[in-house]
Amino acid sequence: MSKLLIVDDEVAILEALTDILSVEGYDVATAANGAEGLAHVHRDRPDLILLDLMMPVMDGQEMLRRLKDDPSLRAIPVVVMSAGRVTKSELQGSRFLAKPFELDDLLNTVTAELQKAAG
């Protein structure tokens, strides 16, 4: 069972994504900001991270930078979720999912990234 970490400050999004992805058979954990997300990654390494960019405490941009700067973590696939425009440099090689997204797009993106990481 693949472990997913959802990092978003909107409780409704965390709950909805947790419900959807749990039903699909994923082991889902959540964090409300980048600092919580990084702490979780160090405790229990996920197979994929769904990351919102706009959050308090530590935003998704900073969390993504720290993941990519850490050789032991940079291989974890990250799907960046945002309602705003995002540049290639902000994505740092991650997949992008524009909010609001369709359920099929979410599931297809998660599946594709996990398969790519499994190589």
PDB file of N, CA and C in Angstrom:
ATOM      1  N   MET A   1       0.852  -1.184   0.000  1.00  0.00           N
ATOM      2  CA  MET A   1       0.000   0.000   0.000  1.00  0.00           C
ATOM      3  C   MET A   1       0.895   1.244   0.000  1.00  0.00           C
ATOM      4  N   SER A   2       0.665   2.123  -0.946  1.00  0.00           N
ATOM      5  CA  SER A   2       1.469   3.346  -1.040  1.00  0.00           C
ATOM      6  C   SER A   2       1.054   4.354   0.027  1.00  0.00           C
ATOM      7  N   LYS A   3       2.069   5.012   0.616  1.00  0.00           N
ATOM      8  CA  LYS A   3       1.823   6.028   1.636  1.00  0.00           C
ATOM      9  C   LYS A   3       1.864   7.401   0.984  1.00  0.00           C
ATOM     10  N   LEU A   4       0.786   8.168   1.197  1.00  0.00           N
ATOM     11  CA  LEU A   4       0.704   9.514   0.660  1.00  0.00           C
ATOM     12  C   LEU A   4       0.684  10.512   1.815  1.00  0.00           C
ATOM     13  N   LEU A   5       1.306  11.660   1.611  1.00  0.00           N
ATOM     14  CA  LEU A   5       1.243  12.752   2.575  1.00  0.00           C
ATOM     15  C   LEU A   5       0.606  13.939   1.864  1.00  0.00           C
ATOM     16  N   ILE A   6      -0.490  14.456   2.441  1.00  0.00           N
ATOM     17  CA  ILE A   6      -1.158  15.641   1.887  1.00  0.00           C
ATOM     18  C   ILE A   6      -0.821  16.811   2.803  1.00  0.00           C
ATOM     19  N   VAL A   7      -0.246  17.869   2.220  1.00  0.00           N
ATOM     20  CA  VAL A   7       0.132  19.050   2.995  1.00  0.00           C
ATOM     21  C   VAL A   7      -0.682  20.230   2.468  1.00  0.00           C
ATOM     22  N   ASP A   8      -1.657  20.676   3.276  1.00  0.00           N
ATOM     23  CA  ASP A   8      -2.559  21.759   2.864  1.00  0.00           C
ATOM     24  C   ASP A   8      -3.135  22.380   4.131  1.00  0.00           C
ATOM     25  N   ASP A   9      -3.329  23.697   4.125  1.00  0.00           N
ATOM     26  CA  ASP A   9      -3.862  24.353   5.321  1.00  0.00           C
ATOM     27  C   ASP A   9      -5.387  24.401   5.334  1.00  0.00           C
ATOM     28  N   GLU A  10      -6.035  23.956   4.277  1.00  0.00           N
ATOM     29  CA  GLU A  10      -7.501  23.961   4.233  1.00  0.00           C
ATOM     30  C   GLU A  10      -8.035  22.604   4.687  1.00  0.00           C
ATOM     31  N   VAL A  11      -8.691  22.597   5.856  1.00  0.00           N
ATOM     32  CA  VAL A  11      -9.188  21.355   6.447  1.00  0.00           C
ATOM     33  C   VAL A  11     -10.140  20.626   5.504  1.00  0.00           C
ATOM     34  N   ALA A  12     -11.005  21.364   4.818  1.00  0.00           N
ATOM     35  CA  ALA A  12     -11.973  20.725   3.915  1.00  0.00           C
ATOM     36  C   ALA A  12     -11.260  19.954   2.802  1.00  0.00           C
ATOM     37  N   ILE A  13     -10.172  20.510   2.289  1.00  0.00           N
ATOM     38  CA  ILE A  13      -9.405  19.832   1.236  1.00  0.00           C
ATOM     39  C   ILE A  13      -8.711  18.599   1.809  1.00  0.00           C
ATOM     40  N   LEU A  14      -8.107  18.741   2.985  1.00  0.00           N
ATOM     41  CA  LEU A  14      -7.453  17.586   3.614  1.00  0.00           C
ATOM     42  C   LEU A  14      -8.452  16.447   3.819  1.00  0.00           C
ATOM     43  N   GLU A  15      -9.630  16.780   4.331  1.00  0.00           N
ATOM     44  CA  GLU A  15     -10.631  15.745   4.601  1.00  0.00           C
ATOM     45  C   GLU A  15     -11.126  15.100   3.313  1.00  0.00           C
ATOM     46  N   ALA A  16     -11.409  15.920   2.310  1.00  0.00           N
ATOM     47  CA  ALA A  16     -11.923  15.386   1.045  1.00  0.00           C
ATOM     48  C   ALA A  16     -10.886  14.487   0.370  1.00  0.00           C
ATOM     49  N   LEU A  17      -9.644  14.952   0.285  1.00  0.00           N
ATOM     50  CA  LEU A  17      -8.596  14.158  -0.358  1.00  0.00           C
ATOM     51  C   LEU A  17      -8.298  12.885   0.433  1.00  0.00           C
ATOM     52  N   THR A  18      -8.318  12.987   1.758  1.00  0.00           N
ATOM     53  CA  THR A  18      -8.084  11.799   2.591  1.00  0.00           C
ATOM     54  C   THR A  18      -9.165  10.754   2.322  1.00  0.00           C
ATOM     55  N   ASP A  19     -10.425  11.187   2.303  1.00  0.00           N
ATOM     56  CA  ASP A  19     -11.535  10.257   2.039  1.00  0.00           C
ATOM     57  C   ASP A  19     -11.376   9.593   0.680  1.00  0.00           C
ATOM     58  N   ILE A  20     -11.148  10.404  -0.347  1.00  0.00           N
ATOM     59  CA  ILE A  20     -11.058   9.899  -1.726  1.00  0.00           C
ATOM     60  C   ILE A  20      -9.895   8.916  -1.875  1.00  0.00           C
ATOM     61  N   LEU A  21      -8.727   9.314  -1.394  1.00  0.00           N
ATOM     62  CA  LEU A  21      -7.525   8.493  -1.594  1.00  0.00           C
ATOM     63  C   LEU A  21      -7.517   7.254  -0.699  1.00  0.00           C
ATOM     64  N   SER A  22      -8.120   7.341   0.473  1.00  0.00           N
ATOM     65  CA  SER A  22      -8.221   6.167   1.347  1.00  0.00           C
ATOM     66  C   SER A  22      -9.101   5.106   0.695  1.00  0.00           C
ATOM     67  N   VAL A  23     -10.220   5.535   0.112  1.00  0.00           N
ATOM     68  CA  VAL A  23     -11.120   4.610  -0.583  1.00  0.00           C
ATOM     69  C   VAL A  23     -10.390   3.928  -1.739  1.00  0.00           C
ATOM     70  N   GLU A  24      -9.446   4.652  -2.364  1.00  0.00           N
ATOM     71  CA  GLU A  24      -8.681   4.094  -3.480  1.00  0.00           C
ATOM     72  C   GLU A  24      -7.576   3.146  -3.010  1.00  0.00           C
ATOM     73  N   GLY A  25      -7.433   2.997  -1.686  1.00  0.00           N
ATOM     74  CA  GLY A  25      -6.475   2.023  -1.161  1.00  0.00           C
ATOM     75  C   GLY A  25      -5.138   2.595  -0.722  1.00  0.00           C
ATOM     76  N   TYR A  26      -5.047   3.923  -0.639  1.00  0.00           N
ATOM     77  CA  TYR A  26      -3.793   4.539  -0.201  1.00  0.00           C
ATOM     78  C   TYR A  26      -3.807   4.749   1.313  1.00  0.00           C
ATOM     79  N   ASP A  27      -2.624   4.692   1.911  1.00  0.00           N
ATOM     80  CA  ASP A  27      -2.435   5.002   3.317  1.00  0.00           C
ATOM     81  C   ASP A  27      -2.134   6.503   3.367  1.00  0.00           C
ATOM     82  N   VAL A  28      -3.069   7.298   3.894  1.00  0.00           N
ATOM     83  CA  VAL A  28      -2.978   8.756   3.797  1.00  0.00           C
ATOM     84  C   VAL A  28      -2.686   9.407   5.149  1.00  0.00           C
ATOM     85  N   ALA A  29      -1.699  10.300   5.161  1.00  0.00           N
ATOM     86  CA  ALA A  29      -1.399  11.132   6.329  1.00  0.00           C
ATOM     87  C   ALA A  29      -1.539  12.588   5.878  1.00  0.00           C
ATOM     88  N   THR A  30      -1.757  13.496   6.844  1.00  0.00           N
ATOM     89  CA  THR A  30      -1.934  14.907   6.493  1.00  0.00           C
ATOM     90  C   THR A  30      -1.081  15.803   7.382  1.00  0.00           C
ATOM     91  N   ALA A  31      -0.811  16.999   6.866  1.00  0.00           N
ATOM     92  CA  ALA A  31      -0.116  18.038   7.623  1.00  0.00           C
ATOM     93  C   ALA A  31      -0.714  19.381   7.199  1.00  0.00           C
ATOM     94  N   ALA A  32      -0.768  20.332   8.136  1.00  0.00           N
ATOM     95  CA  ALA A  32      -1.429  21.612   7.880  1.00  0.00           C
ATOM     96  C   ALA A  32      -0.496  22.692   7.328  1.00  0.00           C
ATOM     97  N   ASN A  33       0.816  22.425   7.319  1.00  0.00           N
ATOM     98  CA  ASN A  33       1.757  23.398   6.759  1.00  0.00           C
ATOM     99  C   ASN A  33       3.072  22.684   6.451  1.00  0.00           C
ATOM    100  N   GLY A  34       3.994  23.408   5.828  1.00  0.00           N
ATOM    101  CA  GLY A  34       5.249  22.807   5.406  1.00  0.00           C
ATOM    102  C   GLY A  34       6.114  22.302   6.547  1.00  0.00           C
ATOM    103  N   ALA A  35       6.085  22.999   7.688  1.00  0.00           N
ATOM    104  CA  ALA A  35       6.891  22.565   8.835  1.00  0.00           C
ATOM    105  C   ALA A  35       6.387  21.217   9.351  1.00  0.00           C
ATOM    106  N   GLU A  36       5.054  21.094   9.490  1.00  0.00           N
ATOM    107  CA  GLU A  36       4.464  19.810   9.904  1.00  0.00           C
ATOM    108  C   GLU A  36       4.761  18.737   8.863  1.00  0.00           C
ATOM    109  N   GLY A  37       4.666  19.132   7.599  1.00  0.00           N
ATOM    110  CA  GLY A  37       4.909  18.188   6.511  1.00  0.00           C
ATOM    111  C   GLY A  37       6.322  17.633   6.547  1.00  0.00           C
ATOM    112  N   LEU A  38       7.309  18.507   6.721  1.00  0.00           N
ATOM    113  CA  LEU A  38       8.707  18.056   6.779  1.00  0.00           C
ATOM    114  C   LEU A  38       8.949  17.151   7.981  1.00  0.00           C
ATOM    115  N   ALA A  39       8.363  17.505   9.119  1.00  0.00           N
ATOM    116  CA  ALA A  39       8.516  16.676  10.317  1.00  0.00           C
ATOM    117  C   ALA A  39       7.959  15.284  10.047  1.00  0.00           C
ATOM    118  N   HIS A  40       6.815  15.222   9.375  1.00  0.00           N
ATOM    119  CA  HIS A  40       6.214  13.931   9.056  1.00  0.00           C
ATOM    120  C   HIS A  40       7.107  13.129   8.101  1.00  0.00           C
ATOM    121  N   VAL A  41       7.639  13.798   7.097  1.00  0.00           N
ATOM    122  CA  VAL A  41       8.494  13.122   6.115  1.00  0.00           C
ATOM    123  C   VAL A  41       9.696  12.466   6.813  1.00  0.00           C
ATOM    124  N   HIS A  42      10.271  13.170   7.771  1.00  0.00           N
ATOM    125  CA  HIS A  42      11.422  12.628   8.491  1.00  0.00           C
ATOM    126  C   HIS A  42      11.027  11.458   9.398  1.00  0.00           C
ATOM    127  N   ARG A  43       9.809  11.499   9.945  1.00  0.00           N
ATOM    128  CA  ARG A  43       9.308  10.434  10.825  1.00  0.00           C
ATOM    129  C   ARG A  43       8.873   9.195  10.054  1.00  0.00           C
ATOM    130  N   ASP A  44       8.119   9.422   8.975  1.00  0.00           N
ATOM    131  CA  ASP A  44       7.482   8.317   8.254  1.00  0.00           C
ATOM    132  C   ASP A  44       7.464   8.653   6.767  1.00  0.00           C
ATOM    133  N   ARG A  45       8.531   8.326   6.090  1.00  0.00           N
ATOM    134  CA  ARG A  45       8.735   8.703   4.690  1.00  0.00           C
ATOM    135  C   ARG A  45       7.576   8.251   3.788  1.00  0.00           C
ATOM    136  N   PRO A  46       6.904   9.203   3.139  1.00  0.00           N
ATOM    137  CA  PRO A  46       5.807   8.838   2.237  1.00  0.00           C
ATOM    138  C   PRO A  46       6.341   8.423   0.859  1.00  0.00           C
ATOM    139  N   ASP A  47       5.490   7.763   0.086  1.00  0.00           N
ATOM    140  CA  ASP A  47       5.843   7.394  -1.289  1.00  0.00           C
ATOM    141  C   ASP A  47       5.565   8.544  -2.251  1.00  0.00           C
ATOM    142  N   LEU A  48       4.676   9.476  -1.822  1.00  0.00           N
ATOM    143  CA  LEU A  48       4.330  10.622  -2.662  1.00  0.00           C
ATOM    144  C   LEU A  48       3.767  11.719  -1.768  1.00  0.00           C
ATOM    145  N   ILE A  49       4.045  12.968  -2.126  1.00  0.00           N
ATOM    146  CA  ILE A  49       3.543  14.116  -1.371  1.00  0.00           C
ATOM    147  C   ILE A  49       2.659  14.967  -2.282  1.00  0.00           C
ATOM    148  N   LEU A  50       1.453  15.290  -1.798  1.00  0.00           N
ATOM    149  CA  LEU A  50       0.567  16.256  -2.459  1.00  0.00           C
ATOM    150  C   LEU A  50       0.737  17.547  -1.664  1.00  0.00           C
ATOM    151  N   LEU A  51       1.234  18.597  -2.321  1.00  0.00           N
ATOM    152  CA  LEU A  51       1.684  19.796  -1.605  1.00  0.00           C
ATOM    153  C   LEU A  51       1.020  21.063  -2.119  1.00  0.00           C
ATOM    154  N   ASP A  52       0.317  21.746  -1.214  1.00  0.00           N
ATOM    155  CA  ASP A  52      -0.249  23.058  -1.518  1.00  0.00           C
ATOM    156  C   ASP A  52       0.884  24.082  -1.397  1.00  0.00           C
ATOM    157  N   LEU A  53       0.832  25.149  -2.197  1.00  0.00           N
ATOM    158  CA  LEU A  53       1.896  26.154  -2.121  1.00  0.00           C
ATOM    159  C   LEU A  53       1.624  27.238  -1.091  1.00  0.00           C
ATOM    160  N   MET A  54       0.372  27.679  -0.997  1.00  0.00           N
ATOM    161  CA  MET A  54       0.033  28.816  -0.136  1.00  0.00           C
ATOM    162  C   MET A  54      -0.427  28.331   1.235  1.00  0.00           C
ATOM    163  N   MET A  55       0.482  28.417   2.234  1.00  0.00           N
ATOM    164  CA  MET A  55       0.167  27.989   3.598  1.00  0.00           C
ATOM    165  C   MET A  55       0.905  28.876   4.596  1.00  0.00           C
ATOM    166  N   PRO A  56       0.371  28.949   5.828  1.00  0.00           N
ATOM    167  CA  PRO A  56       1.079  29.696   6.875  1.00  0.00           C
ATOM    168  C   PRO A  56       2.253  28.879   7.432  1.00  0.00           C
ATOM    169  N   VAL A  57       2.991  29.463   8.338  1.00  0.00           N
ATOM    170  CA  VAL A  57       4.145  28.881   9.036  1.00  0.00           C
ATOM    171  C   VAL A  57       5.292  28.609   8.061  1.00  0.00           C
ATOM    172  N   MET A  58       5.159  27.575   7.223  1.00  0.00           N
ATOM    173  CA  MET A  58       6.129  27.319   6.155  1.00  0.00           C
ATOM    174  C   MET A  58       5.324  26.986   4.913  1.00  0.00           C
ATOM    175  N   ASP A  59       5.521  27.768   3.848  1.00  0.00           N
ATOM    176  CA  ASP A  59       4.739  27.518   2.640  1.00  0.00           C
ATOM    177  C   ASP A  59       5.278  26.320   1.864  1.00  0.00           C
ATOM    178  N   GLY A  60       4.520  25.910   0.868  1.00  0.00           N
ATOM    179  CA  GLY A  60       4.891  24.750   0.076  1.00  0.00           C
ATOM    180  C   GLY A  60       6.189  24.946  -0.684  1.00  0.00           C
ATOM    181  N   GLN A  61       6.452  26.182  -1.072  1.00  0.00           N
ATOM    182  CA  GLN A  61       7.681  26.498  -1.800  1.00  0.00           C
ATOM    183  C   GLN A  61       8.913  26.171  -0.966  1.00  0.00           C
ATOM    184  N   GLU A  62       8.869  26.580   0.292  1.00  0.00           N
ATOM    185  CA  GLU A  62      10.002  26.341   1.198  1.00  0.00           C
ATOM    186  C   GLU A  62      10.124  24.845   1.518  1.00  0.00           C
ATOM    187  N   MET A  63       8.991  24.182   1.729  1.00  0.00           N
ATOM    188  CA  MET A  63       9.047  22.748   2.006  1.00  0.00           C
ATOM    189  C   MET A  63       9.653  22.009   0.810  1.00  0.00           C
ATOM    190  N   LEU A  64       9.222  22.379  -0.395  1.00  0.00           N
ATOM    191  CA  LEU A  64       9.734  21.741  -1.607  1.00  0.00           C
ATOM    192  C   LEU A  64      11.236  21.979  -1.750  1.00  0.00           C
ATOM    193  N   ARG A  65      11.681  23.208  -1.465  1.00  0.00           N
ATOM    194  CA  ARG A  65      13.112  23.528  -1.542  1.00  0.00           C
ATOM    195  C   ARG A  65      13.911  22.648  -0.578  1.00  0.00           C
ATOM    196  N   ARG A  66      13.403  22.498   0.633  1.00  0.00           N
ATOM    197  CA  ARG A  66      14.119  21.691   1.635  1.00  0.00           C
ATOM    198  C   ARG A  66      14.134  20.207   1.243  1.00  0.00           C
ATOM    199  N   LEU A  67      13.047  19.722   0.658  1.00  0.00           N
ATOM    200  CA  LEU A  67      13.022  18.326   0.192  1.00  0.00           C
ATOM    201  C   LEU A  67      14.076  18.118  -0.895  1.00  0.00           C
ATOM    202  N   LYS A  68      14.132  19.047  -1.853  1.00  0.00           N
ATOM    203  CA  LYS A  68      15.055  18.908  -2.979  1.00  0.00           C
ATOM    204  C   LYS A  68      16.504  19.102  -2.560  1.00  0.00           C
ATOM    205  N   ASP A  69      16.723  19.858  -1.473  1.00  0.00           N
ATOM    206  CA  ASP A  69      18.085  20.084  -0.980  1.00  0.00           C
ATOM    207  C   ASP A  69      18.619  18.907  -0.167  1.00  0.00           C
ATOM    208  N   ASP A  70      17.740  17.993   0.240  1.00  0.00           N
ATOM    209  CA  ASP A  70      18.143  16.859   1.075  1.00  0.00           C
ATOM    210  C   ASP A  70      18.302  15.614   0.197  1.00  0.00           C
ATOM    211  N   PRO A  71      19.535  15.121   0.011  1.00  0.00           N
ATOM    212  CA  PRO A  71      19.767  13.972  -0.871  1.00  0.00           C
ATOM    213  C   PRO A  71      18.942  12.738  -0.500  1.00  0.00           C
ATOM    214  N   SER A  72      18.600  12.590   0.786  1.00  0.00           N
ATOM    215  CA  SER A  72      17.836  11.411   1.195  1.00  0.00           C
ATOM    216  C   SER A  72      16.339  11.563   0.924  1.00  0.00           C
ATOM    217  N   LEU A  73      15.900  12.781   0.609  1.00  0.00           N
ATOM    218  CA  LEU A  73      14.464  13.037   0.399  1.00  0.00           C
ATOM    219  C   LEU A  73      14.111  13.470  -1.017  1.00  0.00           C
ATOM    220  N   ARG A  74      15.108  13.898  -1.799  1.00  0.00           N
ATOM    221  CA  ARG A  74      14.786  14.535  -3.084  1.00  0.00           C
ATOM    222  C   ARG A  74      14.118  13.606  -4.089  1.00  0.00           C
ATOM    223  N   ALA A  75      14.231  12.291  -3.889  1.00  0.00           N
ATOM    224  CA  ALA A  75      13.620  11.350  -4.833  1.00  0.00           C
ATOM    225  C   ALA A  75      12.117  11.134  -4.588  1.00  0.00           C
ATOM    226  N   ILE A  76      11.608  11.637  -3.464  1.00  0.00           N
ATOM    227  CA  ILE A  76      10.170  11.472  -3.193  1.00  0.00           C
ATOM    228  C   ILE A  76       9.395  12.321  -4.201  1.00  0.00           C
ATOM    229  N   PRO A  77       8.465  11.696  -4.965  1.00  0.00           N
ATOM    230  CA  PRO A  77       7.699  12.501  -5.918  1.00  0.00           C
ATOM    231  C   PRO A  77       6.760  13.473  -5.202  1.00  0.00           C
ATOM    232  N   VAL A  78       6.673  14.681  -5.743  1.00  0.00           N
ATOM    233  CA  VAL A  78       5.814  15.718  -5.178  1.00  0.00           C
ATOM    234  C   VAL A  78       4.874  16.208  -6.267  1.00  0.00           C
ATOM    235  N   VAL A  79       3.582  16.292  -5.927  1.00  0.00           N
ATOM    236  CA  VAL A  79       2.594  16.897  -6.819  1.00  0.00           C
ATOM    237  C   VAL A  79       2.185  18.210  -6.168  1.00  0.00           C
ATOM    238  N   VAL A  80       2.508  19.314  -6.824  1.00  0.00           N
ATOM    239  CA  VAL A  80       2.191  20.642  -6.312  1.00  0.00           C
ATOM    240  C   VAL A  80       0.759  20.987  -6.704  1.00  0.00           C
ATOM    241  N   MET A  81      -0.045  21.401  -5.705  1.00  0.00           N
ATOM    242  CA  MET A  81      -1.432  21.798  -5.937  1.00  0.00           C
ATOM    243  C   MET A  81      -1.556  23.290  -5.664  1.00  0.00           C
ATOM    244  N   SER A  82      -2.118  24.029  -6.612  1.00  0.00           N
ATOM    245  CA  SER A  82      -2.279  25.461  -6.390  1.00  0.00           C
ATOM    246  C   SER A  82      -3.372  26.017  -7.287  1.00  0.00           C
ATOM    247  N   ALA A  83      -4.074  27.021  -6.766  1.00  0.00           N
ATOM    248  CA  ALA A  83      -5.088  27.704  -7.567  1.00  0.00           C
ATOM    249  C   ALA A  83      -4.450  28.808  -8.405  1.00  0.00           C
ATOM    250  N   GLY A  84      -3.228  29.209  -8.041  1.00  0.00           N
ATOM    251  CA  GLY A  84      -2.544  30.290  -8.746  1.00  0.00           C
ATOM    252  C   GLY A  84      -1.616  29.776  -9.827  1.00  0.00           C
ATOM    253  N   ARG A  85      -0.999  30.716 -10.520  1.00  0.00           N
ATOM    254  CA  ARG A  85      -0.020  30.344 -11.546  1.00  0.00           C
ATOM    255  C   ARG A  85       1.283  29.951 -10.884  1.00  0.00           C
ATOM    256  N   VAL A  86       1.938  28.974 -11.481  1.00  0.00           N
ATOM    257  CA  VAL A  86       3.193  28.483 -10.915  1.00  0.00           C
ATOM    258  C   VAL A  86       4.228  28.402 -12.034  1.00  0.00           C
ATOM    259  N   THR A  87       5.429  28.887 -11.751  1.00  0.00           N
ATOM    260  CA  THR A  87       6.494  28.839 -12.759  1.00  0.00           C
ATOM    261  C   THR A  87       7.237  27.510 -12.676  1.00  0.00           C
ATOM    262  N   LYS A  88       7.957  27.180 -13.743  1.00  0.00           N
ATOM    263  CA  LYS A  88       8.757  25.942 -13.765  1.00  0.00           C
ATOM    264  C   LYS A  88       9.775  25.927 -12.629  1.00  0.00           C
ATOM    265  N   SER A  89      10.379  27.074 -12.358  1.00  0.00           N
ATOM    266  CA  SER A  89      11.385  27.103 -11.290  1.00  0.00           C
ATOM    267  C   SER A  89      10.740  26.853  -9.930  1.00  0.00           C
ATOM    268  N   GLU A  90       9.512  27.321  -9.740  1.00  0.00           N
ATOM    269  CA  GLU A  90       8.820  27.074  -8.474  1.00  0.00           C
ATOM    270  C   GLU A  90       8.507  25.584  -8.299  1.00  0.00           C
ATOM    271  N   LEU A  91       8.245  24.904  -9.395  1.00  0.00           N
ATOM    272  CA  LEU A  91       7.898  23.477  -9.327  1.00  0.00           C
ATOM    273  C   LEU A  91       9.103  22.588  -9.036  1.00  0.00           C
ATOM    274  N   GLN A  92      10.292  23.038  -9.392  1.00  0.00           N
ATOM    275  CA  GLN A  92      11.521  22.276  -9.160  1.00  0.00           C
ATOM    276  C   GLN A  92      11.403  20.828  -9.636  1.00  0.00           C
ATOM    277  N   GLY A  93      10.828  20.649 -10.807  1.00  0.00           N
ATOM    278  CA  GLY A  93      10.739  19.313 -11.393  1.00  0.00           C
ATOM    279  C   GLY A  93       9.538  18.507 -10.941  1.00  0.00           C
ATOM    280  N   SER A  94       8.665  19.090 -10.127  1.00  0.00           N
ATOM    281  CA  SER A  94       7.491  18.376  -9.630  1.00  0.00           C
ATOM    282  C   SER A  94       6.325  18.492 -10.601  1.00  0.00           C
ATOM    283  N   ARG A  95       5.370  17.561 -10.474  1.00  0.00           N
ATOM    284  CA  ARG A  95       4.142  17.636 -11.261  1.00  0.00           C
ATOM    285  C   ARG A  95       3.264  18.741 -10.689  1.00  0.00           C
ATOM    286  N   PHE A  96       2.402  19.323 -11.534  1.00  0.00           N
ATOM    287  CA  PHE A  96       1.512  20.391 -11.105  1.00  0.00           C
ATOM    288  C   PHE A  96       0.068  19.983 -11.328  1.00  0.00           C
ATOM    289  N   LEU A  97      -0.775  20.254 -10.342  1.00  0.00           N
ATOM    290  CA  LEU A  97      -2.203  19.987 -10.425  1.00  0.00           C
ATOM    291  C   LEU A  97      -2.915  21.280 -10.045  1.00  0.00           C
ATOM    292  N   ALA A  98      -3.626  21.882 -11.007  1.00  0.00           N
ATOM    293  CA  ALA A  98      -4.298  23.158 -10.749  1.00  0.00           C
ATOM    294  C   ALA A  98      -5.571  22.935  -9.943  1.00  0.00           C
ATOM    295  N   LYS A  99      -5.744  23.726  -8.896  1.00  0.00           N
ATOM    296  CA  LYS A  99      -6.981  23.682  -8.107  1.00  0.00           C
ATOM    297  C   LYS A  99      -8.002  24.588  -8.766  1.00  0.00           C
ATOM    298  N   PRO A 100      -9.275  24.250  -8.786  1.00  0.00           N
ATOM    299  CA  PRO A 100      -9.825  22.953  -8.380  1.00  0.00           C
ATOM    300  C   PRO A 100      -9.566  21.920  -9.476  1.00  0.00           C
ATOM    301  N   PHE A 101      -9.333  20.675  -9.089  1.00  0.00           N
ATOM    302  CA  PHE A 101      -9.049  19.638 -10.078  1.00  0.00           C
ATOM    303  C   PHE A 101     -10.148  18.582 -10.065  1.00  0.00           C
ATOM    304  N   GLU A 102     -10.225  17.874 -11.169  1.00  0.00           N
ATOM    305  CA  GLU A 102     -11.179  16.771 -11.278  1.00  0.00           C
ATOM    306  C   GLU A 102     -10.614  15.562 -10.536  1.00  0.00           C
ATOM    307  N   LEU A 103     -11.504  14.758 -10.000  1.00  0.00           N
ATOM    308  CA  LEU A 103     -11.104  13.545  -9.284  1.00  0.00           C
ATOM    309  C   LEU A 103     -10.238  12.644 -10.158  1.00  0.00           C
ATOM    310  N   ASP A 104     -10.630  12.453 -11.420  1.00  0.00           N
ATOM    311  CA  ASP A 104      -9.856  11.594 -12.326  1.00  0.00           C
ATOM    312  C   ASP A 104      -8.437  12.128 -12.525  1.00  0.00           C
ATOM    313  N   ASP A 105      -8.314  13.455 -12.646  1.00  0.00           N
ATOM    314  CA  ASP A 105      -6.986  14.049 -12.822  1.00  0.00           C
ATOM    315  C   ASP A 105      -6.111  13.774 -11.606  1.00  0.00           C
ATOM    316  N   LEU A 106      -6.697  13.908 -10.421  1.00  0.00           N
ATOM    317  CA  LEU A 106      -5.959  13.633  -9.190  1.00  0.00           C
ATOM    318  C   LEU A 106      -5.484  12.182  -9.165  1.00  0.00           C
ATOM    319  N   LEU A 107      -6.401  11.260  -9.368  1.00  0.00           N
ATOM    320  CA  LEU A 107      -6.058   9.837  -9.286  1.00  0.00           C
ATOM    321  C   LEU A 107      -5.054   9.431 -10.360  1.00  0.00           C
ATOM    322  N   ASN A 108      -5.237   9.935 -11.580  1.00  0.00           N
ATOM    323  CA  ASN A 108      -4.303   9.615 -12.670  1.00  0.00           C
ATOM    324  C   ASN A 108      -2.908  10.159 -12.384  1.00  0.00           C
ATOM    325  N   THR A 109      -2.835  11.368 -11.833  1.00  0.00           N
ATOM    326  CA  THR A 109      -1.548  11.985 -11.518  1.00  0.00           C
ATOM    327  C   THR A 109      -0.837  11.206 -10.418  1.00  0.00           C
ATOM    328  N   VAL A 110      -1.567  10.852  -9.349  1.00  0.00           N
ATOM    329  CA  VAL A 110      -0.981  10.080  -8.247  1.00  0.00           C
ATOM    330  C   VAL A 110      -0.458   8.747  -8.761  1.00  0.00           C
ATOM    331  N   THR A 111      -1.281   8.042  -9.544  1.00  0.00           N
ATOM    332  CA  THR A 111      -0.870   6.735 -10.093  1.00  0.00           C
ATOM    333  C   THR A 111       0.364   6.877 -10.968  1.00  0.00           C
ATOM    334  N   ALA A 112       0.362   7.856 -11.861  1.00  0.00           N
ATOM    335  CA  ALA A 112       1.489   8.044 -12.788  1.00  0.00           C
ATOM    336  C   ALA A 112       2.787   8.364 -12.039  1.00  0.00           C
ATOM    337  N   GLU A 113       2.710   9.222 -11.027  1.00  0.00           N
ATOM    338  CA  GLU A 113       3.913   9.601 -10.276  1.00  0.00           C
ATOM    339  C   GLU A 113       4.446   8.430  -9.459  1.00  0.00           C
ATOM    340  N   LEU A 114       3.541   7.637  -8.880  1.00  0.00           N
ATOM    341  CA  LEU A 114       3.994   6.480  -8.104  1.00  0.00           C
ATOM    342  C   LEU A 114       4.645   5.442  -9.022  1.00  0.00           C
ATOM    343  N   GLN A 115       4.066   5.247 -10.207  1.00  0.00           N
ATOM    344  CA  GLN A 115       4.642   4.281 -11.162  1.00  0.00           C
ATOM    345  C   GLN A 115       6.009   4.760 -11.639  1.00  0.00           C
ATOM    346  N   LYS A 116       6.121   6.058 -11.923  1.00  0.00           N
ATOM    347  CA  LYS A 116       7.385   6.612 -12.387  1.00  0.00           C
ATOM    348  C   LYS A 116       8.470   6.455 -11.310  1.00  0.00           C
ATOM    349  N   ALA A 117       8.088   6.689 -10.040  1.00  0.00           N
ATOM    350  CA  ALA A 117       9.051   6.577  -8.949  1.00  0.00           C
ATOM    351  C   ALA A 117       9.483   5.133  -8.729  1.00  0.00           C
ATOM    352  N   ALA A 118       8.563   4.193  -8.987  1.00  0.00           N
ATOM    353  CA  ALA A 118       8.871   2.776  -8.802  1.00  0.00           C
ATOM    354  C   ALA A 118       9.806   2.279  -9.916  1.00  0.00           C
ATOM    355  N   GLY A 119       9.766   3.024 -11.026  1.00  0.00           N
ATOM    356  CA  GLY A 119      10.673   2.779 -12.125  1.00  0.00           C
ATOM    357  C   GLY A 119      10.493   1.450 -12.795  1.00  0.00           C
TER     358      GLY A 119
END
